[in-house]
């Protein structure tokens, strides 16, 4: 899995994506570990995504990865199905179209040029200031969006307020 840095650098991931034999081998190993038959005509996400996510959660528990899968349809901002830890730090986005599942690298791109997507409040936005101020992933100190918020304060971090030029230590 590229996000967990299992393959090392980006070049190894590129080689992996071009090696269909290795990908199929990994899929069959995952199916075997999950005790899922490899010869089914269809795989229902509601049945099988929880099994796979639970296997990944156990496998990567010591690394600190918390997975959540988001399955989108063609024309929807909200996912059709989600499964995983509510305190996730690794979202996995999948597009379901014509009875086929494809991975999505940048979810915001589904909604237009330069769009971003917040997996916590499940909304698209263009600029950080357009994002919902009530979102749990919005840091109340720096205004950035992402997991593990609020940001960890460091002793030498300070902000200069343009109005009064005072240092505000966090």
N, C-alpha and C. Protein backbone atom coordinates (compact mmCIF):
# COMPACT_ATOMS: atom_id res chain seq x y z
N UNK A 1 0.85 -1.17 0.00
CA UNK A 1 0.00 0.00 0.00
C UNK A 1 0.90 1.24 0.00
N UNK A 2 0.70 2.11 -0.97
CA UNK A 2 1.57 3.27 -1.14
C UNK A 2 1.51 4.22 0.05
N UNK A 3 0.31 4.45 0.57
CA UNK A 3 0.14 5.42 1.65
C UNK A 3 0.88 5.03 2.91
N UNK A 4 1.09 3.75 3.13
CA UNK A 4 1.78 3.30 4.34
C UNK A 4 3.29 3.22 4.13
N UNK A 5 3.76 3.64 2.97
CA UNK A 5 5.19 3.69 2.63
C UNK A 5 5.83 2.30 2.63
N UNK A 6 5.02 1.25 2.42
CA UNK A 6 5.54 -0.12 2.37
C UNK A 6 6.52 -0.31 1.23
N UNK A 7 6.28 0.36 0.12
CA UNK A 7 7.11 0.18 -1.06
C UNK A 7 8.30 1.13 -1.11
N UNK A 8 8.43 1.97 -0.12
CA UNK A 8 9.54 2.92 -0.11
C UNK A 8 9.22 4.15 -0.92
N UNK A 9 10.11 4.49 -1.85
CA UNK A 9 9.92 5.74 -2.60
C UNK A 9 8.89 5.60 -3.73
N UNK A 10 8.61 6.72 -4.34
CA UNK A 10 7.58 6.80 -5.38
C UNK A 10 7.91 5.93 -6.60
N UNK A 11 9.18 5.81 -6.92
CA UNK A 11 9.58 5.02 -8.08
C UNK A 11 9.18 3.55 -7.90
N UNK A 12 9.33 3.03 -6.69
CA UNK A 12 8.92 1.64 -6.44
C UNK A 12 7.42 1.47 -6.61
N UNK A 13 6.66 2.49 -6.22
CA UNK A 13 5.21 2.43 -6.40
C UNK A 13 4.86 2.43 -7.89
N UNK A 14 5.55 3.24 -8.67
CA UNK A 14 5.31 3.28 -10.11
C UNK A 14 5.58 1.92 -10.73
N UNK A 15 6.68 1.30 -10.33
CA UNK A 15 6.99 -0.04 -10.83
C UNK A 15 5.93 -1.05 -10.40
N UNK A 16 5.48 -0.93 -9.17
CA UNK A 16 4.44 -1.83 -8.67
C UNK A 16 3.15 -1.69 -9.49
N UNK A 17 2.77 -0.46 -9.81
CA UNK A 17 1.55 -0.23 -10.59
C UNK A 17 1.65 -0.82 -12.00
N UNK A 18 2.86 -0.96 -12.51
CA UNK A 18 3.05 -1.53 -13.84
C UNK A 18 3.20 -3.05 -13.80
N UNK A 19 3.32 -3.63 -12.63
CA UNK A 19 3.51 -5.07 -12.46
C UNK A 19 2.18 -5.73 -12.10
N UNK A 20 1.39 -6.06 -13.12
CA UNK A 20 0.05 -6.62 -12.87
C UNK A 20 0.12 -7.98 -12.17
N UNK A 21 1.17 -8.75 -12.43
CA UNK A 21 1.31 -10.05 -11.76
C UNK A 21 1.45 -9.87 -10.25
N UNK A 22 2.28 -8.94 -9.84
CA UNK A 22 2.48 -8.71 -8.40
C UNK A 22 1.21 -8.16 -7.75
N UNK A 23 0.50 -7.30 -8.47
CA UNK A 23 -0.76 -6.79 -7.93
C UNK A 23 -1.77 -7.91 -7.73
N UNK A 24 -1.89 -8.80 -8.72
CA UNK A 24 -2.83 -9.92 -8.60
C UNK A 24 -2.42 -10.85 -7.46
N UNK A 25 -1.13 -11.06 -7.31
CA UNK A 25 -0.62 -11.90 -6.22
C UNK A 25 -1.01 -11.30 -4.87
N UNK A 26 -0.84 -9.99 -4.73
CA UNK A 26 -1.20 -9.31 -3.48
C UNK A 26 -2.71 -9.37 -3.22
N UNK A 27 -3.51 -9.24 -4.28
CA UNK A 27 -4.97 -9.32 -4.12
C UNK A 27 -5.37 -10.71 -3.65
N UNK A 28 -4.79 -11.75 -4.27
CA UNK A 28 -5.13 -13.12 -3.86
C UNK A 28 -4.68 -13.41 -2.44
N UNK A 29 -3.54 -12.86 -2.03
CA UNK A 29 -3.10 -13.03 -0.64
C UNK A 29 -4.06 -12.34 0.33
N UNK A 30 -4.54 -11.16 -0.04
CA UNK A 30 -5.51 -10.45 0.79
C UNK A 30 -6.83 -11.22 0.87
N UNK A 31 -7.29 -11.73 -0.27
CA UNK A 31 -8.53 -12.52 -0.28
C UNK A 31 -8.39 -13.76 0.60
N UNK A 32 -7.22 -14.39 0.53
CA UNK A 32 -6.98 -15.59 1.35
C UNK A 32 -6.97 -15.23 2.83
N UNK A 33 -6.30 -14.14 3.19
CA UNK A 33 -6.25 -13.71 4.59
C UNK A 33 -7.63 -13.33 5.11
N UNK A 34 -8.47 -12.78 4.22
CA UNK A 34 -9.82 -12.37 4.61
C UNK A 34 -10.83 -13.51 4.51
N UNK A 35 -10.37 -14.65 4.00
CA UNK A 35 -11.25 -15.81 3.80
C UNK A 35 -12.42 -15.47 2.88
N UNK A 36 -12.08 -14.75 1.80
CA UNK A 36 -13.05 -14.38 0.78
C UNK A 36 -12.75 -15.19 -0.47
N UNK A 37 -13.76 -15.81 -1.03
CA UNK A 37 -13.58 -16.61 -2.24
C UNK A 37 -13.10 -15.72 -3.39
N UNK A 38 -12.16 -16.23 -4.19
CA UNK A 38 -11.62 -15.43 -5.29
C UNK A 38 -12.38 -15.63 -6.60
N UNK A 39 -13.41 -16.46 -6.61
CA UNK A 39 -14.11 -16.73 -7.86
C UNK A 39 -15.58 -16.30 -7.84
N UNK A 40 -15.90 -15.32 -7.03
CA UNK A 40 -17.28 -14.82 -7.00
C UNK A 40 -17.54 -13.95 -8.24
N UNK A 41 -18.77 -13.95 -8.75
CA UNK A 41 -19.06 -13.10 -9.91
C UNK A 41 -19.06 -11.61 -9.56
N UNK A 42 -19.42 -11.28 -8.32
CA UNK A 42 -19.44 -9.89 -7.86
C UNK A 42 -19.03 -9.83 -6.40
N UNK A 43 -18.52 -8.66 -6.00
CA UNK A 43 -18.15 -8.44 -4.60
C UNK A 43 -18.89 -7.22 -4.11
N UNK A 44 -19.69 -7.39 -3.07
CA UNK A 44 -20.48 -6.30 -2.51
C UNK A 44 -19.65 -5.56 -1.47
N UNK A 45 -19.51 -4.26 -1.64
CA UNK A 45 -18.69 -3.45 -0.73
C UNK A 45 -19.21 -3.51 0.69
N UNK A 46 -20.51 -3.55 0.87
CA UNK A 46 -21.09 -3.57 2.21
C UNK A 46 -20.65 -4.83 2.96
N UNK A 47 -20.48 -5.92 2.24
CA UNK A 47 -20.06 -7.18 2.87
C UNK A 47 -18.55 -7.27 3.06
N UNK A 48 -17.78 -6.85 2.05
CA UNK A 48 -16.36 -7.17 2.04
C UNK A 48 -15.42 -6.04 2.45
N UNK A 49 -15.83 -4.79 2.28
CA UNK A 49 -14.97 -3.68 2.71
C UNK A 49 -14.69 -3.74 4.21
N UNK A 50 -15.69 -3.98 5.07
CA UNK A 50 -15.38 -4.07 6.51
C UNK A 50 -14.35 -5.16 6.85
N UNK A 51 -14.42 -6.28 6.16
CA UNK A 51 -13.46 -7.36 6.42
C UNK A 51 -12.05 -6.92 6.07
N UNK A 52 -11.89 -6.30 4.90
CA UNK A 52 -10.56 -5.85 4.45
C UNK A 52 -10.03 -4.73 5.34
N UNK A 53 -10.87 -3.77 5.68
CA UNK A 53 -10.43 -2.66 6.54
C UNK A 53 -10.00 -3.18 7.91
N UNK A 54 -10.73 -4.14 8.45
CA UNK A 54 -10.36 -4.71 9.74
C UNK A 54 -9.02 -5.44 9.67
N UNK A 55 -8.74 -6.12 8.57
CA UNK A 55 -7.44 -6.78 8.39
C UNK A 55 -6.33 -5.74 8.33
N UNK A 56 -6.54 -4.67 7.55
CA UNK A 56 -5.53 -3.61 7.47
C UNK A 56 -5.32 -2.94 8.82
N UNK A 57 -6.41 -2.72 9.55
CA UNK A 57 -6.30 -2.07 10.86
C UNK A 57 -5.45 -2.90 11.82
N UNK A 58 -5.61 -4.20 11.79
CA UNK A 58 -4.79 -5.08 12.64
C UNK A 58 -3.34 -5.09 12.16
N UNK A 59 -3.16 -5.17 10.85
CA UNK A 59 -1.81 -5.25 10.27
C UNK A 59 -0.99 -3.99 10.55
N UNK A 60 -1.62 -2.83 10.44
CA UNK A 60 -0.90 -1.56 10.56
C UNK A 60 -1.15 -0.85 11.89
N UNK A 61 -1.70 -1.54 12.86
CA UNK A 61 -2.02 -0.95 14.15
C UNK A 61 -0.79 -0.35 14.83
N UNK A 62 0.32 -1.07 14.82
CA UNK A 62 1.54 -0.58 15.46
C UNK A 62 2.14 0.62 14.74
N UNK A 63 1.84 0.78 13.46
CA UNK A 63 2.35 1.92 12.69
C UNK A 63 1.53 3.18 12.91
N UNK A 64 0.38 3.05 13.55
CA UNK A 64 -0.45 4.22 13.84
C UNK A 64 -1.45 4.58 12.77
N UNK A 65 -1.59 3.74 11.74
CA UNK A 65 -2.54 4.04 10.68
C UNK A 65 -3.95 3.63 11.09
N UNK A 66 -4.90 4.54 10.84
CA UNK A 66 -6.31 4.29 11.10
C UNK A 66 -7.06 4.55 9.79
N UNK A 67 -7.64 3.51 9.24
CA UNK A 67 -8.24 3.56 7.91
C UNK A 67 -9.73 3.87 7.96
N UNK A 68 -10.18 4.54 6.91
CA UNK A 68 -11.61 4.69 6.66
C UNK A 68 -11.80 4.71 5.15
N UNK A 69 -12.72 3.88 4.67
CA UNK A 69 -13.00 3.78 3.24
C UNK A 69 -14.24 4.60 2.91
N UNK A 70 -14.13 5.36 1.82
CA UNK A 70 -15.23 6.18 1.32
C UNK A 70 -15.51 5.74 -0.12
N UNK A 71 -16.72 5.26 -0.38
CA UNK A 71 -17.09 4.82 -1.72
C UNK A 71 -18.08 5.82 -2.31
N UNK A 72 -17.67 6.43 -3.43
CA UNK A 72 -18.45 7.46 -4.09
C UNK A 72 -19.13 6.90 -5.33
N UNK A 73 -20.28 7.50 -5.68
CA UNK A 73 -20.94 7.22 -6.95
C UNK A 73 -20.51 8.26 -7.96
N UNK A 74 -21.09 8.22 -9.13
CA UNK A 74 -20.69 9.15 -10.19
C UNK A 74 -21.05 10.60 -9.91
N UNK A 75 -22.22 10.86 -9.38
CA UNK A 75 -22.72 12.23 -9.30
C UNK A 75 -23.04 12.67 -7.88
N UNK A 76 -22.25 12.26 -6.92
CA UNK A 76 -22.61 12.58 -5.55
C UNK A 76 -21.42 13.13 -4.78
N UNK A 77 -21.69 14.19 -4.03
CA UNK A 77 -20.65 14.75 -3.16
C UNK A 77 -20.48 13.89 -1.91
N UNK A 78 -21.58 13.32 -1.45
CA UNK A 78 -21.54 12.46 -0.27
C UNK A 78 -21.23 11.03 -0.70
N UNK A 79 -20.44 10.30 0.08
CA UNK A 79 -20.17 8.90 -0.26
C UNK A 79 -21.43 8.03 -0.15
N UNK A 80 -21.48 6.99 -0.98
CA UNK A 80 -22.58 6.03 -0.92
C UNK A 80 -22.41 5.10 0.28
N UNK A 81 -21.16 4.86 0.66
CA UNK A 81 -20.87 3.93 1.75
C UNK A 81 -19.55 4.33 2.39
N UNK A 82 -19.50 4.26 3.71
CA UNK A 82 -18.25 4.50 4.43
C UNK A 82 -18.08 3.41 5.47
N UNK A 83 -16.82 3.11 5.76
CA UNK A 83 -16.53 2.16 6.83
C UNK A 83 -15.14 2.45 7.37
N UNK A 84 -15.02 2.46 8.67
CA UNK A 84 -13.71 2.61 9.29
C UNK A 84 -13.77 3.41 10.56
N UNK A 85 -12.58 3.66 11.08
CA UNK A 85 -12.40 4.38 12.33
C UNK A 85 -12.81 5.84 12.15
N UNK A 86 -13.63 6.37 13.06
CA UNK A 86 -14.02 7.78 12.98
C UNK A 86 -12.84 8.71 13.24
N UNK A 87 -11.83 8.21 13.91
CA UNK A 87 -10.62 8.98 14.17
C UNK A 87 -9.54 8.57 13.16
N UNK A 88 -9.91 8.46 11.89
CA UNK A 88 -9.01 7.97 10.85
C UNK A 88 -7.93 8.99 10.51
N UNK A 89 -6.80 8.49 10.01
CA UNK A 89 -5.77 9.37 9.48
C UNK A 89 -5.35 8.95 8.08
N UNK A 90 -6.03 7.93 7.54
CA UNK A 90 -5.73 7.46 6.19
C UNK A 90 -7.03 7.15 5.45
N UNK A 91 -7.60 8.15 4.74
CA UNK A 91 -8.82 7.89 3.98
C UNK A 91 -8.50 7.13 2.70
N UNK A 92 -9.34 6.17 2.36
CA UNK A 92 -9.20 5.43 1.11
C UNK A 92 -10.46 5.71 0.31
N UNK A 93 -10.30 6.37 -0.82
CA UNK A 93 -11.46 6.77 -1.63
C UNK A 93 -11.57 5.87 -2.86
N UNK A 94 -12.80 5.43 -3.11
CA UNK A 94 -13.08 4.50 -4.20
C UNK A 94 -14.30 5.01 -4.96
N UNK A 95 -14.23 4.90 -6.29
CA UNK A 95 -15.35 5.26 -7.15
C UNK A 95 -16.06 3.98 -7.58
N UNK A 96 -17.36 3.92 -7.38
CA UNK A 96 -18.17 2.79 -7.84
C UNK A 96 -18.98 3.25 -9.04
N UNK A 97 -18.70 2.65 -10.19
CA UNK A 97 -19.36 3.04 -11.43
C UNK A 97 -19.50 1.81 -12.33
N UNK A 98 -20.69 1.59 -12.86
CA UNK A 98 -20.96 0.46 -13.76
C UNK A 98 -20.52 -0.87 -13.16
N UNK A 99 -20.88 -1.11 -11.91
CA UNK A 99 -20.54 -2.34 -11.19
C UNK A 99 -19.04 -2.61 -11.13
N UNK A 100 -18.25 -1.54 -11.09
CA UNK A 100 -16.80 -1.68 -11.01
C UNK A 100 -16.28 -0.67 -9.98
N UNK A 101 -15.23 -1.05 -9.27
CA UNK A 101 -14.61 -0.19 -8.27
C UNK A 101 -13.24 0.27 -8.76
N UNK A 102 -12.97 1.57 -8.66
CA UNK A 102 -11.67 2.14 -9.02
C UNK A 102 -11.20 3.03 -7.89
N UNK A 103 -9.91 3.02 -7.63
CA UNK A 103 -9.34 3.91 -6.64
C UNK A 103 -9.34 5.34 -7.14
N UNK A 104 -9.54 6.28 -6.24
CA UNK A 104 -9.51 7.71 -6.57
C UNK A 104 -8.30 8.31 -5.88
N UNK A 105 -7.44 8.92 -6.64
CA UNK A 105 -6.24 9.52 -6.05
C UNK A 105 -6.54 10.88 -5.41
N UNK A 106 -7.25 11.74 -6.15
CA UNK A 106 -7.62 13.07 -5.65
C UNK A 106 -9.13 13.24 -5.76
N UNK A 107 -9.83 13.12 -4.66
CA UNK A 107 -11.29 13.17 -4.66
C UNK A 107 -11.80 14.53 -5.12
N UNK A 108 -11.13 15.60 -4.74
CA UNK A 108 -11.57 16.94 -5.12
C UNK A 108 -11.69 17.11 -6.62
N UNK A 109 -10.87 16.43 -7.39
CA UNK A 109 -10.91 16.52 -8.84
C UNK A 109 -12.22 16.03 -9.44
N UNK A 110 -12.96 15.21 -8.69
CA UNK A 110 -14.26 14.74 -9.18
C UNK A 110 -15.27 15.88 -9.26
N UNK A 111 -15.04 16.95 -8.51
CA UNK A 111 -16.02 18.02 -8.38
C UNK A 111 -15.63 19.28 -9.16
N UNK A 112 -14.51 19.27 -9.82
CA UNK A 112 -14.11 20.42 -10.61
C UNK A 112 -12.65 20.78 -10.38
N UNK A 113 -12.19 21.72 -11.17
CA UNK A 113 -10.80 22.16 -11.12
C UNK A 113 -10.48 22.81 -9.78
N UNK A 114 -9.40 22.42 -9.18
CA UNK A 114 -8.87 22.98 -7.93
C UNK A 114 -9.80 22.81 -6.73
N UNK A 115 -10.67 21.82 -6.78
CA UNK A 115 -11.51 21.54 -5.62
C UNK A 115 -10.77 20.63 -4.66
N UNK A 116 -11.07 20.78 -3.39
CA UNK A 116 -10.55 19.91 -2.34
C UNK A 116 -11.75 19.22 -1.70
N UNK A 117 -11.48 18.19 -0.92
CA UNK A 117 -12.57 17.46 -0.28
C UNK A 117 -12.20 17.17 1.16
N UNK A 118 -13.12 17.43 2.05
CA UNK A 118 -12.93 17.13 3.46
C UNK A 118 -13.65 15.82 3.76
N UNK A 119 -12.88 14.81 4.17
CA UNK A 119 -13.47 13.51 4.48
C UNK A 119 -14.20 13.52 5.81
N UNK A 120 -13.91 14.47 6.67
CA UNK A 120 -14.56 14.51 7.98
C UNK A 120 -16.00 15.02 7.86
N UNK A 121 -16.19 16.17 7.22
CA UNK A 121 -17.56 16.69 7.09
C UNK A 121 -18.17 16.33 5.73
N UNK A 122 -17.41 15.60 4.90
CA UNK A 122 -17.87 15.09 3.61
C UNK A 122 -18.43 16.19 2.72
N UNK A 123 -17.60 17.24 2.54
CA UNK A 123 -17.98 18.37 1.69
C UNK A 123 -16.80 18.78 0.83
N UNK A 124 -17.13 19.34 -0.35
CA UNK A 124 -16.09 19.89 -1.22
C UNK A 124 -15.91 21.36 -0.90
N UNK A 125 -14.72 21.88 -1.21
CA UNK A 125 -14.44 23.30 -1.04
C UNK A 125 -13.25 23.66 -1.92
N UNK A 126 -13.06 24.95 -2.16
CA UNK A 126 -11.93 25.39 -2.97
C UNK A 126 -10.82 25.99 -2.12
N UNK A 127 -11.20 26.84 -1.18
CA UNK A 127 -10.20 27.52 -0.35
C UNK A 127 -10.45 27.15 1.10
N UNK A 128 -9.39 27.19 1.89
CA UNK A 128 -9.49 26.84 3.31
C UNK A 128 -10.56 27.67 4.01
N UNK A 129 -10.68 28.95 3.65
CA UNK A 129 -11.64 29.82 4.34
C UNK A 129 -13.08 29.48 3.98
N UNK A 130 -13.31 28.74 2.89
CA UNK A 130 -14.66 28.32 2.52
C UNK A 130 -15.09 27.07 3.29
N UNK A 131 -14.16 26.45 3.97
CA UNK A 131 -14.45 25.21 4.68
C UNK A 131 -15.29 25.49 5.92
N UNK A 132 -16.09 24.55 6.32
CA UNK A 132 -16.99 24.69 7.47
C UNK A 132 -16.19 24.89 8.75
N UNK A 133 -16.47 25.96 9.46
CA UNK A 133 -15.74 26.27 10.70
C UNK A 133 -16.06 25.29 11.83
N UNK A 134 -17.12 24.52 11.70
CA UNK A 134 -17.50 23.55 12.73
C UNK A 134 -16.86 22.18 12.50
N UNK A 135 -16.11 22.02 11.42
CA UNK A 135 -15.53 20.73 11.08
C UNK A 135 -14.52 20.29 12.14
N UNK A 136 -14.55 19.01 12.49
CA UNK A 136 -13.64 18.47 13.51
C UNK A 136 -12.19 18.43 13.02
N UNK A 137 -11.97 18.46 11.70
CA UNK A 137 -10.62 18.40 11.17
C UNK A 137 -9.98 19.77 10.98
N UNK A 138 -10.68 20.82 11.31
CA UNK A 138 -10.16 22.18 11.17
C UNK A 138 -9.44 22.57 12.46
N UNK A 139 -8.16 22.90 12.35
CA UNK A 139 -7.39 23.28 13.53
C UNK A 139 -7.83 24.67 13.99
N UNK A 140 -8.17 24.78 15.25
CA UNK A 140 -8.64 26.07 15.77
C UNK A 140 -7.49 27.06 15.96
N UNK A 141 -6.24 26.58 15.90
CA UNK A 141 -5.08 27.46 16.06
C UNK A 141 -4.58 28.01 14.73
N UNK A 142 -4.35 27.12 13.75
CA UNK A 142 -3.72 27.58 12.51
C UNK A 142 -4.68 27.65 11.33
N UNK A 143 -5.87 27.03 11.43
CA UNK A 143 -6.84 27.08 10.35
C UNK A 143 -6.65 26.03 9.28
N UNK A 144 -5.62 25.19 9.39
CA UNK A 144 -5.41 24.14 8.39
C UNK A 144 -6.39 23.00 8.62
N UNK A 145 -6.56 22.19 7.57
CA UNK A 145 -7.50 21.08 7.62
C UNK A 145 -6.74 19.78 7.49
N UNK A 146 -7.11 18.80 8.28
CA UNK A 146 -6.50 17.49 8.22
C UNK A 146 -6.66 16.76 9.52
N UNK A 147 -6.15 15.54 9.57
CA UNK A 147 -6.24 14.75 10.79
C UNK A 147 -5.31 15.26 11.86
N UNK A 148 -5.42 14.69 13.03
CA UNK A 148 -4.58 15.03 14.18
C UNK A 148 -4.64 16.51 14.52
N UNK A 149 -5.84 17.06 14.59
CA UNK A 149 -6.01 18.45 14.99
C UNK A 149 -6.52 18.49 16.42
N UNK A 150 -6.25 19.48 17.21
CA UNK A 150 -5.47 20.66 16.84
C UNK A 150 -3.98 20.33 16.70
N UNK A 151 -3.27 21.21 16.04
CA UNK A 151 -1.84 21.02 15.82
C UNK A 151 -1.12 20.94 17.16
N UNK A 152 -0.04 20.21 17.15
CA UNK A 152 0.78 20.12 18.36
C UNK A 152 1.54 21.42 18.51
N UNK A 153 1.44 22.05 19.66
CA UNK A 153 2.13 23.31 19.91
C UNK A 153 3.59 23.03 20.24
N UNK A 154 4.47 23.81 19.66
CA UNK A 154 5.89 23.71 19.99
C UNK A 154 6.30 24.96 20.74
N UNK A 155 7.32 24.83 21.56
CA UNK A 155 7.74 25.93 22.43
C UNK A 155 8.19 27.17 21.70
N UNK A 156 8.75 27.02 20.50
CA UNK A 156 9.27 28.19 19.80
C UNK A 156 8.31 28.73 18.73
N UNK A 157 7.09 28.21 18.69
CA UNK A 157 6.13 28.68 17.70
C UNK A 157 5.39 29.91 18.23
N UNK A 158 5.30 30.92 17.40
CA UNK A 158 4.47 32.07 17.77
C UNK A 158 3.91 32.71 16.51
N UNK A 159 2.84 33.40 16.69
CA UNK A 159 2.23 34.16 15.60
C UNK A 159 2.38 35.63 15.91
N UNK A 160 2.63 36.42 14.90
CA UNK A 160 2.64 37.87 15.08
C UNK A 160 1.32 38.41 14.58
N UNK A 161 0.64 39.09 15.43
CA UNK A 161 -0.62 39.70 15.05
C UNK A 161 -0.30 41.01 14.35
N UNK A 162 -0.77 41.18 13.12
CA UNK A 162 -0.47 42.39 12.35
C UNK A 162 -1.01 43.65 13.02
N UNK A 163 -2.08 43.53 13.76
CA UNK A 163 -2.70 44.70 14.37
C UNK A 163 -1.93 45.23 15.55
N UNK A 164 -1.47 44.38 16.46
CA UNK A 164 -0.84 44.87 17.68
C UNK A 164 0.60 44.39 17.85
N UNK A 165 1.11 43.58 16.95
CA UNK A 165 2.50 43.11 16.97
C UNK A 165 2.87 42.39 18.26
N UNK A 166 1.92 41.68 18.82
CA UNK A 166 2.27 40.94 20.02
C UNK A 166 2.46 39.47 19.69
N UNK A 167 3.26 38.82 20.47
CA UNK A 167 3.51 37.40 20.26
C UNK A 167 2.48 36.59 21.02
N UNK A 168 1.90 35.67 20.31
CA UNK A 168 0.92 34.80 20.93
C UNK A 168 1.52 33.40 20.93
N UNK A 169 1.88 32.91 22.09
CA UNK A 169 2.48 31.58 22.19
C UNK A 169 1.39 30.53 22.32
N UNK A 170 1.61 29.41 21.64
CA UNK A 170 0.65 28.31 21.73
C UNK A 170 1.23 27.23 22.59
